[in-house]
Amino acid sequence: MSVGKKEKINVLSLFDGMSCGQIALNKVGIEYENYFASEIDKYAIQVTQKNYPKTKQLGSVTEVKGINLPKIDLLYGGSPCQGFSLAGKQLNFEDERSKLFFEFVRLLKECKPKYFLLENVNMQQDWQDIITEYLGVKPILINSSVFTAQFRDRLYWTNIPFDEPTQNRNILLEDILESDIDYTHKCHNIQLQKSPNGIENIKKGTSGFSWFYEQQTYTKKSLTRTLKAGGGSGNIPKVLNDDLTMFRKLTPIECERLQSVPFNYTNCVSNNQRYRMLGNGWTVDVIAHIFSFLKGGEIFNNFSNENVN
């Protein structure tokens, strides 16, 4: 007779950051034999190894060679987006960081995984078309606001056959706030504006603090705009109290919640580094939604049969 034993998969994560993809895999219960991560940021690596000490760090993506790896079943990554971001200089493929996309393409060809996923920012159509031509699939736009209190548009190129999320969890900023956090910074003459996307923030107001930025200060009944990668105070979302007279920065734990990252996942580095890598990271629940469609996929139904006499 034969005994069926389910095989675990091998995963290669490029530009792994603090391993949000690994969080997503664990969240949906996908088991893996080896998790290979390409990352160069020492703080992101520190966070990953604290939470997933079995992660096999490979260093720079330019040094990773498919021939040196076992069969890769799932390859994914979010190549640096600064050259594509509407908030940046929009240098597209001329930006040295965004050129790393072609390292993703190289390893996709070398490893020939069953499934792949590339995440990047929402960008102009001609740049999307170039990526689509290389990967052979069109991107799907998903906003993190379906899953959390953050308005964050991202494009996902993947051959994973998943259904787009249709049910909005309707989470607002008030749902992710820690309790008993003091509002210590005063503000005056507040005028609010509310956009159709559910963002309610300050249109006008005054404060004695140099890092008071109107576009980053929200009411509790709002979504935040995209969490940014910069660790400076101006890049950290702020929330108003109920009577709109005081405000404070969101805590690192609250920013983890905006990205659906586990409680205190990033607490082994400084707060400045926590804010920065959370802004650089993925919204985990978006990735978990996509990966959940692999549970019944072909590579997760492989069995190795061992004859028993």
C-alpha atoms as a PDB file:
ATOM      1  CA  MET A   1       0.000   0.000   0.000  1.00  0.00           C
ATOM      2  CA  SER A   2       1.078   3.619  -0.274  1.00  0.00           C
ATOM      3  CA  VAL A   3       1.044   6.340   2.279  1.00  0.00           C
ATOM      4  CA  GLY A   4       0.416   9.888   1.127  1.00  0.00           C
ATOM      5  CA  LYS A   5       2.495  12.632   2.644  1.00  0.00           C
ATOM      6  CA  LYS A   6       1.826  16.250   1.753  1.00  0.00           C
ATOM      7  CA  GLU A   7       4.906  18.065   0.533  1.00  0.00           C
ATOM      8  CA  LYS A   8       5.844  21.472   1.833  1.00  0.00           C
ATOM      9  CA  ILE A   9       6.771  24.114  -0.685  1.00  0.00           C
ATOM     10  CA  ASN A  10       9.862  26.248  -1.193  1.00  0.00           C
ATOM     11  CA  VAL A  11       9.394  30.018  -1.183  1.00  0.00           C
ATOM     12  CA  LEU A  12      11.669  32.744  -2.551  1.00  0.00           C
ATOM     13  CA  SER A  13      10.873  36.280  -1.400  1.00  0.00           C
ATOM     14  CA  LEU A  14      12.715  39.111  -3.160  1.00  0.00           C
ATOM     15  CA  PHE A  15      13.000  42.526  -1.507  1.00  0.00           C
ATOM     16  CA  ASP A  16      11.634  40.699   1.525  1.00  0.00           C
ATOM     17  CA  GLY A  17      11.736  43.652   3.924  1.00  0.00           C
ATOM     18  CA  MET A  18      10.393  42.563   7.284  1.00  0.00           C
ATOM     19  CA  SER A  19       8.810  39.485   5.664  1.00  0.00           C
ATOM     20  CA  CYS A  20       5.167  40.544   5.394  1.00  0.00           C
ATOM     21  CA  GLY A  21       4.712  37.763   2.844  1.00  0.00           C
ATOM     22  CA  GLN A  22       5.803  35.218   5.418  1.00  0.00           C
ATOM     23  CA  ILE A  23       3.245  36.605   7.864  1.00  0.00           C
ATOM     24  CA  ALA A  24       0.587  36.162   5.168  1.00  0.00           C
ATOM     25  CA  LEU A  25       1.598  32.561   4.451  1.00  0.00           C
ATOM     26  CA  ASN A  26       1.350  31.700   8.128  1.00  0.00           C
ATOM     27  CA  LYS A  27      -1.935  33.547   8.471  1.00  0.00           C
ATOM     28  CA  VAL A  28      -3.620  31.352   5.873  1.00  0.00           C
ATOM     29  CA  GLY A  29      -1.865  28.168   7.011  1.00  0.00           C
ATOM     30  CA  ILE A  30       0.380  27.466   4.019  1.00  0.00           C
ATOM     31  CA  GLU A  31       3.337  25.350   5.129  1.00  0.00           C
ATOM     32  CA  TYR A  32       6.765  25.685   3.561  1.00  0.00           C
ATOM     33  CA  GLU A  33       9.965  23.689   3.780  1.00  0.00           C
ATOM     34  CA  ASN A  34      12.354  26.552   3.009  1.00  0.00           C
ATOM     35  CA  TYR A  35      11.799  30.282   3.084  1.00  0.00           C
ATOM     36  CA  PHE A  36      14.539  32.112   1.193  1.00  0.00           C
ATOM     37  CA  ALA A  37      14.633  35.890   1.659  1.00  0.00           C
ATOM     38  CA  SER A  38      16.603  38.443  -0.310  1.00  0.00           C
ATOM     39  CA  GLU A  39      17.031  41.618   1.758  1.00  0.00           C
ATOM     40  CA  ILE A  40      19.858  44.036   2.589  1.00  0.00           C
ATOM     41  CA  ASP A  41      18.338  46.287   5.247  1.00  0.00           C
ATOM     42  CA  LYS A  42      19.799  45.204   8.590  1.00  0.00           C
ATOM     43  CA  TYR A  43      16.825  46.394  10.627  1.00  0.00           C
ATOM     44  CA  ALA A  44      14.295  44.606   8.437  1.00  0.00           C
ATOM     45  CA  ILE A  45      16.411  41.441   8.653  1.00  0.00           C
ATOM     46  CA  GLN A  46      16.553  41.835  12.436  1.00  0.00           C
ATOM     47  CA  VAL A  47      12.763  41.970  12.632  1.00  0.00           C
ATOM     48  CA  THR A  48      12.360  38.988  10.320  1.00  0.00           C
ATOM     49  CA  GLN A  49      14.831  36.810  12.198  1.00  0.00           C
ATOM     50  CA  LYS A  50      13.248  37.659  15.544  1.00  0.00           C
ATOM     51  CA  ASN A  51       9.873  36.452  14.306  1.00  0.00           C
ATOM     52  CA  TYR A  52      10.963  33.764  11.852  1.00  0.00           C
ATOM     53  CA  PRO A  53      14.434  32.550  12.879  1.00  0.00           C
ATOM     54  CA  LYS A  54      14.446  29.760  10.284  1.00  0.00           C
ATOM     55  CA  THR A  55      14.386  32.289   7.428  1.00  0.00           C
ATOM     56  CA  LYS A  56      17.337  31.762   5.090  1.00  0.00           C
ATOM     57  CA  GLN A  57      18.719  35.207   4.293  1.00  0.00           C
ATOM     58  CA  LEU A  58      20.403  35.479   0.885  1.00  0.00           C
ATOM     59  CA  GLY A  59      21.504  39.117   0.860  1.00  0.00           C
ATOM     60  CA  SER A  60      21.281  41.331  -2.226  1.00  0.00           C
ATOM     61  CA  VAL A  61      18.937  40.240  -4.992  1.00  0.00           C
ATOM     62  CA  THR A  62      21.732  40.818  -7.497  1.00  0.00           C
ATOM     63  CA  GLU A  63      23.698  37.985  -5.878  1.00  0.00           C
ATOM     64  CA  VAL A  64      20.851  35.454  -5.819  1.00  0.00           C
ATOM     65  CA  LYS A  65      21.169  32.768  -8.489  1.00  0.00           C
ATOM     66  CA  GLY A  66      18.406  30.327  -9.282  1.00  0.00           C
ATOM     67  CA  ILE A  67      20.891  27.539  -9.955  1.00  0.00           C
ATOM     68  CA  ASN A  68      21.950  27.635  -6.294  1.00  0.00           C
ATOM     69  CA  LEU A  69      18.426  27.080  -4.978  1.00  0.00           C
ATOM     70  CA  PRO A  70      16.159  24.048  -4.777  1.00  0.00           C
ATOM     71  CA  LYS A  71      12.985  23.991  -6.841  1.00  0.00           C
ATOM     72  CA  ILE A  72      11.056  27.185  -6.011  1.00  0.00           C
ATOM     73  CA  ASP A  73       7.276  26.797  -5.955  1.00  0.00           C
ATOM     74  CA  LEU A  74       6.305  30.355  -5.054  1.00  0.00           C
ATOM     75  CA  LEU A  75       8.260  33.515  -5.861  1.00  0.00           C
ATOM     76  CA  TYR A  76       7.141  36.972  -4.864  1.00  0.00           C
ATOM     77  CA  GLY A  77       8.350  40.443  -4.091  1.00  0.00           C
ATOM     78  CA  GLY A  78       7.653  44.135  -4.077  1.00  0.00           C
ATOM     79  CA  SER A  79      10.514  45.701  -6.008  1.00  0.00           C
ATOM     80  CA  PRO A  80      11.472  49.213  -4.832  1.00  0.00           C
ATOM     81  CA  CYS A  81       8.842  51.659  -6.013  1.00  0.00           C
ATOM     82  CA  GLN A  82      10.500  55.060  -5.601  1.00  0.00           C
ATOM     83  CA  GLY A  83      10.994  55.433  -9.342  1.00  0.00           C
ATOM     84  CA  PHE A  84       7.313  54.779 -10.030  1.00  0.00           C
ATOM     85  CA  SER A  85       5.637  56.492  -7.091  1.00  0.00           C
ATOM     86  CA  LEU A  86       3.392  59.444  -7.876  1.00  0.00           C
ATOM     87  CA  ALA A  87       4.828  61.011  -4.727  1.00  0.00           C
ATOM     88  CA  GLY A  88       8.390  60.743  -6.015  1.00  0.00           C
ATOM     89  CA  LYS A  89      10.291  62.006  -9.060  1.00  0.00           C
ATOM     90  CA  GLN A  90       8.621  59.447 -11.359  1.00  0.00           C
ATOM     91  CA  LEU A  91      11.833  58.406 -13.068  1.00  0.00           C
ATOM     92  CA  ASN A  92      10.328  54.969 -13.776  1.00  0.00           C
ATOM     93  CA  PHE A  93      12.875  52.456 -15.122  1.00  0.00           C
ATOM     94  CA  GLU A  94      15.638  55.056 -15.162  1.00  0.00           C
ATOM     95  CA  ASP A  95      15.647  55.059 -11.354  1.00  0.00           C
ATOM     96  CA  GLU A  96      18.390  52.765 -10.017  1.00  0.00           C
ATOM     97  CA  ARG A  97      16.057  51.318  -7.401  1.00  0.00           C
ATOM     98  CA  SER A  98      13.208  50.586  -9.786  1.00  0.00           C
ATOM     99  CA  LYS A  99      15.622  48.906 -12.200  1.00  0.00           C
ATOM    100  CA  LEU A 100      15.706  46.107  -9.641  1.00  0.00           C
ATOM    101  CA  PHE A 101      12.436  44.992 -11.195  1.00  0.00           C
ATOM    102  CA  PHE A 102      14.553  43.303 -13.841  1.00  0.00           C
ATOM    103  CA  GLU A 103      16.203  41.203 -11.130  1.00  0.00           C
ATOM    104  CA  PHE A 104      12.719  39.912 -10.338  1.00  0.00           C
ATOM    105  CA  VAL A 105      12.277  39.072 -14.026  1.00  0.00           C
ATOM    106  CA  ARG A 106      15.672  37.335 -14.140  1.00  0.00           C
ATOM    107  CA  LEU A 107      14.915  35.123 -11.143  1.00  0.00           C
ATOM    108  CA  LEU A 108      11.440  34.381 -12.427  1.00  0.00           C
ATOM    109  CA  LYS A 109      13.094  32.948 -15.552  1.00  0.00           C
ATOM    110  CA  GLU A 110      15.819  31.118 -13.633  1.00  0.00           C
ATOM    111  CA  CYS A 111      13.581  29.569 -10.957  1.00  0.00           C
ATOM    112  CA  LYS A 112      10.471  28.906 -13.060  1.00  0.00           C
ATOM    113  CA  PRO A 113       8.114  28.813 -10.044  1.00  0.00           C
ATOM    114  CA  LYS A 114       4.584  27.499 -10.344  1.00  0.00           C
ATOM    115  CA  TYR A 115       3.239  30.779  -8.952  1.00  0.00           C
ATOM    116  CA  PHE A 116       4.553  34.319  -8.670  1.00  0.00           C
ATOM    117  CA  LEU A 117       3.400  37.685  -7.330  1.00  0.00           C
ATOM    118  CA  LEU A 118       4.781  41.175  -7.865  1.00  0.00           C
ATOM    119  CA  GLU A 119       3.461  44.168  -5.920  1.00  0.00           C
ATOM    120  CA  ASN A 120       4.054  47.810  -6.784  1.00  0.00           C
ATOM    121  CA  VAL A 121       2.518  51.256  -6.484  1.00  0.00           C
ATOM    122  CA  ASN A 122      -0.234  52.561  -8.721  1.00  0.00           C
ATOM    123  CA  MET A 123       1.609  54.102 -11.676  1.00  0.00           C
ATOM    124  CA  GLN A 124       0.920  55.555 -15.095  1.00  0.00           C
ATOM    125  CA  GLN A 125      -0.370  53.178 -17.724  1.00  0.00           C
ATOM    126  CA  ASP A 126       2.688  52.975 -19.991  1.00  0.00           C
ATOM    127  CA  TRP A 127       4.877  51.856 -17.062  1.00  0.00           C
ATOM    128  CA  GLN A 128       2.268  49.277 -16.083  1.00  0.00           C
ATOM    129  CA  ASP A 129       2.280  48.003 -19.648  1.00  0.00           C
ATOM    130  CA  ILE A 130       6.037  47.438 -19.607  1.00  0.00           C
ATOM    131  CA  ILE A 131       5.799  45.327 -16.447  1.00  0.00           C
ATOM    132  CA  THR A 132       2.806  43.469 -17.887  1.00  0.00           C
ATOM    133  CA  GLU A 133       4.753  42.658 -21.050  1.00  0.00           C
ATOM    134  CA  TYR A 134       7.603  41.135 -19.037  1.00  0.00           C
ATOM    135  CA  LEU A 135       5.406  39.168 -16.635  1.00  0.00           C
ATOM    136  CA  GLY A 136       2.689  38.107 -19.046  1.00  0.00           C
ATOM    137  CA  VAL A 137      -0.198  39.008 -16.744  1.00  0.00           C
ATOM    138  CA  LYS A 138      -2.137  42.215 -16.203  1.00  0.00           C
ATOM    139  CA  PRO A 139      -2.122  43.862 -12.767  1.00  0.00           C
ATOM    140  CA  ILE A 140      -5.079  43.966 -10.412  1.00  0.00           C
ATOM    141  CA  LEU A 141      -5.570  47.112  -8.347  1.00  0.00           C
ATOM    142  CA  ILE A 142      -6.491  46.519  -4.703  1.00  0.00           C
ATOM    143  CA  ASN A 143      -6.914  49.185  -2.071  1.00  0.00           C
ATOM    144  CA  SER A 144      -5.962  48.240   1.486  1.00  0.00           C
ATOM    145  CA  SER A 145      -9.047  50.079   2.750  1.00  0.00           C
ATOM    146  CA  VAL A 146     -11.044  46.903   2.028  1.00  0.00           C
ATOM    147  CA  PHE A 147      -9.154  45.264   4.895  1.00  0.00           C
ATOM    148  CA  THR A 148      -7.982  48.053   7.193  1.00  0.00           C
ATOM    149  CA  ALA A 149      -8.231  51.769   7.996  1.00  0.00           C
ATOM    150  CA  GLN A 150      -5.734  52.844   5.331  1.00  0.00           C
ATOM    151  CA  PHE A 151      -6.372  54.139   1.817  1.00  0.00           C
ATOM    152  CA  ARG A 152      -3.487  52.439  -0.014  1.00  0.00           C
ATOM    153  CA  ASP A 153      -3.709  51.656  -3.732  1.00  0.00           C
ATOM    154  CA  ARG A 154      -1.357  48.930  -4.929  1.00  0.00           C
ATOM    155  CA  LEU A 155      -1.009  46.905  -8.126  1.00  0.00           C
ATOM    156  CA  TYR A 156      -0.579  43.124  -8.044  1.00  0.00           C
ATOM    157  CA  TRP A 157       0.770  41.148 -10.993  1.00  0.00           C
ATOM    158  CA  THR A 158       0.268  37.454 -10.339  1.00  0.00           C
ATOM    159  CA  ASN A 159      -0.647  34.151 -11.949  1.00  0.00           C
ATOM    160  CA  ILE A 160      -2.420  33.072  -8.760  1.00  0.00           C
ATOM    161  CA  PRO A 161      -6.076  32.671  -9.791  1.00  0.00           C
ATOM    162  CA  PHE A 162      -7.732  34.728  -7.054  1.00  0.00           C
ATOM    163  CA  ASP A 163     -11.021  36.576  -6.753  1.00  0.00           C
ATOM    164  CA  GLU A 164     -10.838  40.274  -6.032  1.00  0.00           C
ATOM    165  CA  PRO A 165     -12.058  41.169  -2.520  1.00  0.00           C
ATOM    166  CA  THR A 166     -15.620  42.419  -2.613  1.00  0.00           C
ATOM    167  CA  GLN A 167     -16.639  42.624   1.033  1.00  0.00           C
ATOM    168  CA  ASN A 168     -15.355  45.740   2.777  1.00  0.00           C
ATOM    169  CA  ARG A 169     -14.640  45.288   6.482  1.00  0.00           C
ATOM    170  CA  ASN A 170     -15.460  48.985   7.021  1.00  0.00           C
ATOM    171  CA  ILE A 171     -12.616  49.502   9.497  1.00  0.00           C
ATOM    172  CA  LEU A 172     -11.992  53.112  10.523  1.00  0.00           C
ATOM    173  CA  LEU A 173      -9.132  54.751  12.340  1.00  0.00           C
ATOM    174  CA  GLU A 174     -11.010  54.524  15.639  1.00  0.00           C
ATOM    175  CA  ASP A 175     -11.033  50.728  15.319  1.00  0.00           C
ATOM    176  CA  ILE A 176      -7.247  50.418  15.343  1.00  0.00           C
ATOM    177  CA  LEU A 177      -6.406  52.965  18.057  1.00  0.00           C
ATOM    178  CA  GLU A 178      -4.801  51.949  21.322  1.00  0.00           C
ATOM    179  CA  SER A 179      -6.691  52.976  24.446  1.00  0.00           C
ATOM    180  CA  ASP A 180      -5.353  55.370  27.092  1.00  0.00           C
ATOM    181  CA  ILE A 181      -2.916  57.208  24.814  1.00  0.00           C
ATOM    182  CA  ASP A 182      -2.699  60.892  25.731  1.00  0.00           C
ATOM    183  CA  TYR A 183      -3.479  63.635  23.228  1.00  0.00           C
ATOM    184  CA  THR A 184      -0.863  66.175  24.229  1.00  0.00           C
ATOM    185  CA  HIS A 185      -0.573  68.549  21.259  1.00  0.00           C
ATOM    186  CA  LYS A 186      -3.034  71.394  20.983  1.00  0.00           C
ATOM    187  CA  CYS A 187      -4.552  72.607  17.752  1.00  0.00           C
ATOM    188  CA  HIS A 188      -6.858  75.548  16.976  1.00  0.00           C
ATOM    189  CA  ASN A 189      -9.236  76.858  14.332  1.00  0.00           C
ATOM    190  CA  ILE A 190      -9.822  73.432  12.830  1.00  0.00           C
ATOM    191  CA  GLN A 191     -11.674  73.110   9.548  1.00  0.00           C
ATOM    192  CA  LEU A 192     -12.297  69.601   8.242  1.00  0.00           C
ATOM    193  CA  GLN A 193     -12.568  68.258   4.730  1.00  0.00           C
ATOM    194  CA  LYS A 194     -13.932  64.867   3.746  1.00  0.00           C
ATOM    195  CA  SER A 195     -13.108  63.204   0.448  1.00  0.00           C
ATOM    196  CA  PRO A 196     -15.258  60.580  -1.320  1.00  0.00           C
ATOM    197  CA  ASN A 197     -12.722  57.860  -0.432  1.00  0.00           C
ATOM    198  CA  GLY A 198     -13.572  58.135   3.270  1.00  0.00           C
ATOM    199  CA  ILE A 199     -10.686  60.340   4.372  1.00  0.00           C
ATOM    200  CA  GLU A 200     -11.638  63.077   6.823  1.00  0.00           C
ATOM    201  CA  ASN A 201      -8.717  65.282   7.716  1.00  0.00           C
ATOM    202  CA  ILE A 202      -7.798  68.844   8.548  1.00  0.00           C
ATOM    203  CA  LYS A 203      -8.247  71.415   5.807  1.00  0.00           C
ATOM    204  CA  LYS A 204      -7.070  74.294   7.960  1.00  0.00           C
ATOM    205  CA  GLY A 205      -5.729  74.577  11.467  1.00  0.00           C
ATOM    206  CA  THR A 206      -2.931  75.927  13.615  1.00  0.00           C
ATOM    207  CA  SER A 207      -0.507  74.368  16.058  1.00  0.00           C
ATOM    208  CA  GLY A 208       2.630  75.275  17.920  1.00  0.00           C
ATOM    209  CA  PHE A 209       4.457  72.235  16.589  1.00  0.00           C
ATOM    210  CA  SER A 210       6.579  72.347  13.461  1.00  0.00           C
ATOM    211  CA  TRP A 211       5.572  68.789  12.542  1.00  0.00           C
ATOM    212  CA  PHE A 212       1.862  69.603  12.384  1.00  0.00           C
ATOM    213  CA  TYR A 213       0.905  68.632   8.832  1.00  0.00           C
ATOM    214  CA  GLU A 214      -2.717  69.147   7.874  1.00  0.00           C
ATOM    215  CA  GLN A 215      -2.791  66.430   5.229  1.00  0.00           C
ATOM    216  CA  GLN A 216      -1.609  63.808   7.716  1.00  0.00           C
ATOM    217  CA  THR A 217      -4.003  64.610  10.603  1.00  0.00           C
ATOM    218  CA  TYR A 218      -7.279  62.692  10.631  1.00  0.00           C
ATOM    219  CA  THR A 219     -10.461  62.320  12.619  1.00  0.00           C
ATOM    220  CA  LYS A 220     -11.231  59.001  14.295  1.00  0.00           C
ATOM    221  CA  LYS A 221     -14.078  58.388  11.819  1.00  0.00           C
ATOM    222  CA  SER A 222     -11.661  58.464   8.894  1.00  0.00           C
ATOM    223  CA  LEU A 223      -9.243  56.336   6.943  1.00  0.00           C
ATOM    224  CA  THR A 224      -5.631  57.433   6.777  1.00  0.00           C
ATOM    225  CA  ARG A 225      -3.819  58.049   3.551  1.00  0.00           C
ATOM    226  CA  THR A 226      -0.994  55.694   2.585  1.00  0.00           C
ATOM    227  CA  LEU A 227       1.430  55.024   5.399  1.00  0.00           C
ATOM    228  CA  LYS A 228       4.760  56.418   4.184  1.00  0.00           C
ATOM    229  CA  ALA A 229       8.199  54.894   4.473  1.00  0.00           C
ATOM    230  CA  GLY A 230       9.919  57.934   5.978  1.00  0.00           C
ATOM    231  CA  GLY A 231      10.388  57.763   9.732  1.00  0.00           C
ATOM    232  CA  GLY A 232      10.200  61.504  10.295  1.00  0.00           C
ATOM    233  CA  SER A 233       7.320  62.979  12.256  1.00  0.00           C
ATOM    234  CA  GLY A 234       5.834  64.592   9.164  1.00  0.00           C
ATOM    235  CA  ASN A 235       5.309  61.167   7.588  1.00  0.00           C
ATOM    236  CA  ILE A 236       3.563  59.579  10.565  1.00  0.00           C
ATOM    237  CA  PRO A 237      -0.257  59.835  10.541  1.00  0.00           C
ATOM    238  CA  LYS A 238      -1.853  61.822  13.346  1.00  0.00           C
ATOM    239  CA  VAL A 239      -5.270  61.553  14.921  1.00  0.00           C
ATOM    240  CA  LEU A 240      -7.532  64.192  16.477  1.00  0.00           C
ATOM    241  CA  ASN A 241      -9.374  63.693  19.738  1.00  0.00           C
ATOM    242  CA  ASP A 242     -13.166  63.663  19.833  1.00  0.00           C
ATOM    243  CA  ASP A 243     -13.643  67.418  20.275  1.00  0.00           C
ATOM    244  CA  LEU A 244     -10.945  68.274  17.694  1.00  0.00           C
ATOM    245  CA  THR A 245      -8.828  70.321  20.105  1.00  0.00           C
ATOM    246  CA  MET A 246      -5.841  67.966  20.501  1.00  0.00           C
ATOM    247  CA  PHE A 247      -3.903  65.572  18.313  1.00  0.00           C
ATOM    248  CA  ARG A 248      -1.134  62.971  18.545  1.00  0.00           C
ATOM    249  CA  LYS A 249       0.960  60.747  16.310  1.00  0.00           C
ATOM    250  CA  LEU A 250      -0.147  57.190  15.761  1.00  0.00           C
ATOM    251  CA  THR A 251       1.895  54.721  17.785  1.00  0.00           C
ATOM    252  CA  PRO A 252       4.008  52.000  16.136  1.00  0.00           C
ATOM    253  CA  ILE A 253       1.423  49.414  17.229  1.00  0.00           C
ATOM    254  CA  GLU A 254      -1.334  51.418  15.542  1.00  0.00           C
ATOM    255  CA  CYS A 255       0.736  51.578  12.366  1.00  0.00           C
ATOM    256  CA  GLU A 256       1.207  47.810  12.601  1.00  0.00           C
ATOM    257  CA  ARG A 257      -2.561  47.529  12.701  1.00  0.00           C
ATOM    258  CA  LEU A 258      -2.856  49.774   9.630  1.00  0.00           C
ATOM    259  CA  GLN A 259      -0.723  47.199   7.814  1.00  0.00           C
ATOM    260  CA  SER A 260      -2.469  44.224   9.524  1.00  0.00           C
ATOM    261  CA  VAL A 261       0.868  43.206  11.028  1.00  0.00           C
ATOM    262  CA  PRO A 262       0.825  41.215  14.301  1.00  0.00           C
ATOM    263  CA  PHE A 263       0.988  43.043  17.624  1.00  0.00           C
ATOM    264  CA  ASN A 264       4.531  44.288  18.371  1.00  0.00           C
ATOM    265  CA  TYR A 265       5.974  42.358  15.443  1.00  0.00           C
ATOM    266  CA  THR A 266       8.480  45.186  14.885  1.00  0.00           C
ATOM    267  CA  ASN A 267       9.319  46.009  18.505  1.00  0.00           C
ATOM    268  CA  CYS A 268      12.956  44.845  18.390  1.00  0.00           C
ATOM    269  CA  VAL A 269      14.132  48.013  16.608  1.00  0.00           C
ATOM    270  CA  SER A 270      13.756  51.742  17.273  1.00  0.00           C
ATOM    271  CA  ASN A 271      10.413  53.441  16.739  1.00  0.00           C
ATOM    272  CA  ASN A 272      11.880  55.412  13.855  1.00  0.00           C
ATOM    273  CA  GLN A 273      12.848  52.165  12.118  1.00  0.00           C
ATOM    274  CA  ARG A 274       9.471  50.636  12.942  1.00  0.00           C
ATOM    275  CA  TYR A 275       7.615  53.478  11.245  1.00  0.00           C
ATOM    276  CA  ARG A 276       9.928  53.365   8.232  1.00  0.00           C
ATOM    277  CA  MET A 277       9.693  49.630   7.558  1.00  0.00           C
ATOM    278  CA  LEU A 278       5.936  49.551   8.155  1.00  0.00           C
ATOM    279  CA  GLY A 279       5.564  52.226   5.483  1.00  0.00           C
ATOM    280  CA  ASN A 280       7.770  50.143   3.199  1.00  0.00           C
ATOM    281  CA  GLY A 281       5.882  46.943   3.914  1.00  0.00           C
ATOM    282  CA  TRP A 282       2.806  45.236   2.543  1.00  0.00           C
ATOM    283  CA  THR A 283      -0.706  45.269   3.925  1.00  0.00           C
ATOM    284  CA  VAL A 284      -0.605  41.675   5.138  1.00  0.00           C
ATOM    285  CA  ASP A 285      -4.322  40.958   4.822  1.00  0.00           C
ATOM    286  CA  VAL A 286      -4.271  41.839   1.114  1.00  0.00           C
ATOM    287  CA  ILE A 287      -1.466  39.329   0.518  1.00  0.00           C
ATOM    288  CA  ALA A 288      -3.156  36.756   2.751  1.00  0.00           C
ATOM    289  CA  HIS A 289      -6.326  37.114   0.674  1.00  0.00           C
ATOM    290  CA  ILE A 290      -4.394  36.391  -2.526  1.00  0.00           C
ATOM    291  CA  PHE A 291      -2.465  33.487  -0.976  1.00  0.00           C
ATOM    292  CA  SER A 292      -5.657  31.956   0.397  1.00  0.00           C
ATOM    293  CA  PHE A 293      -6.528  30.912  -3.157  1.00  0.00           C
ATOM    294  CA  LEU A 294      -3.416  28.713  -3.226  1.00  0.00           C
ATOM    295  CA  LYS A 295      -4.818  26.437  -0.545  1.00  0.00           C
ATOM    296  CA  GLY A 296      -6.540  24.347  -3.177  1.00  0.00           C
ATOM    297  CA  GLY A 297      -3.918  24.968  -5.853  1.00  0.00           C
ATOM    298  CA  GLU A 298      -1.925  22.333  -7.677  1.00  0.00           C
ATOM    299  CA  ILE A 299       1.385  22.836  -5.872  1.00  0.00           C
ATOM    300  CA  PHE A 300      -0.290  22.320  -2.519  1.00  0.00           C
ATOM    301  CA  ASN A 301      -1.853  19.021  -3.530  1.00  0.00           C
ATOM    302  CA  ASN A 302       1.371  17.224  -4.392  1.00  0.00           C
ATOM    303  CA  PHE A 303       2.020  13.994  -2.541  1.00  0.00           C
ATOM    304  CA  SER A 304       5.142  11.876  -2.255  1.00  0.00           C
ATOM    305  CA  ASN A 305       4.206   8.211  -2.057  1.00  0.00           C
ATOM    306  CA  GLU A 306       6.250   5.798  -0.042  1.00  0.00           C
ATOM    307  CA  ASN A 307       5.651   2.082  -0.473  1.00  0.00           C
ATOM    308  CA  VAL A 308       5.096   0.138   2.726  1.00  0.00           C
ATOM    309  CA  ASN A 309       5.695  -3.626   2.588  1.00  0.00           C
END
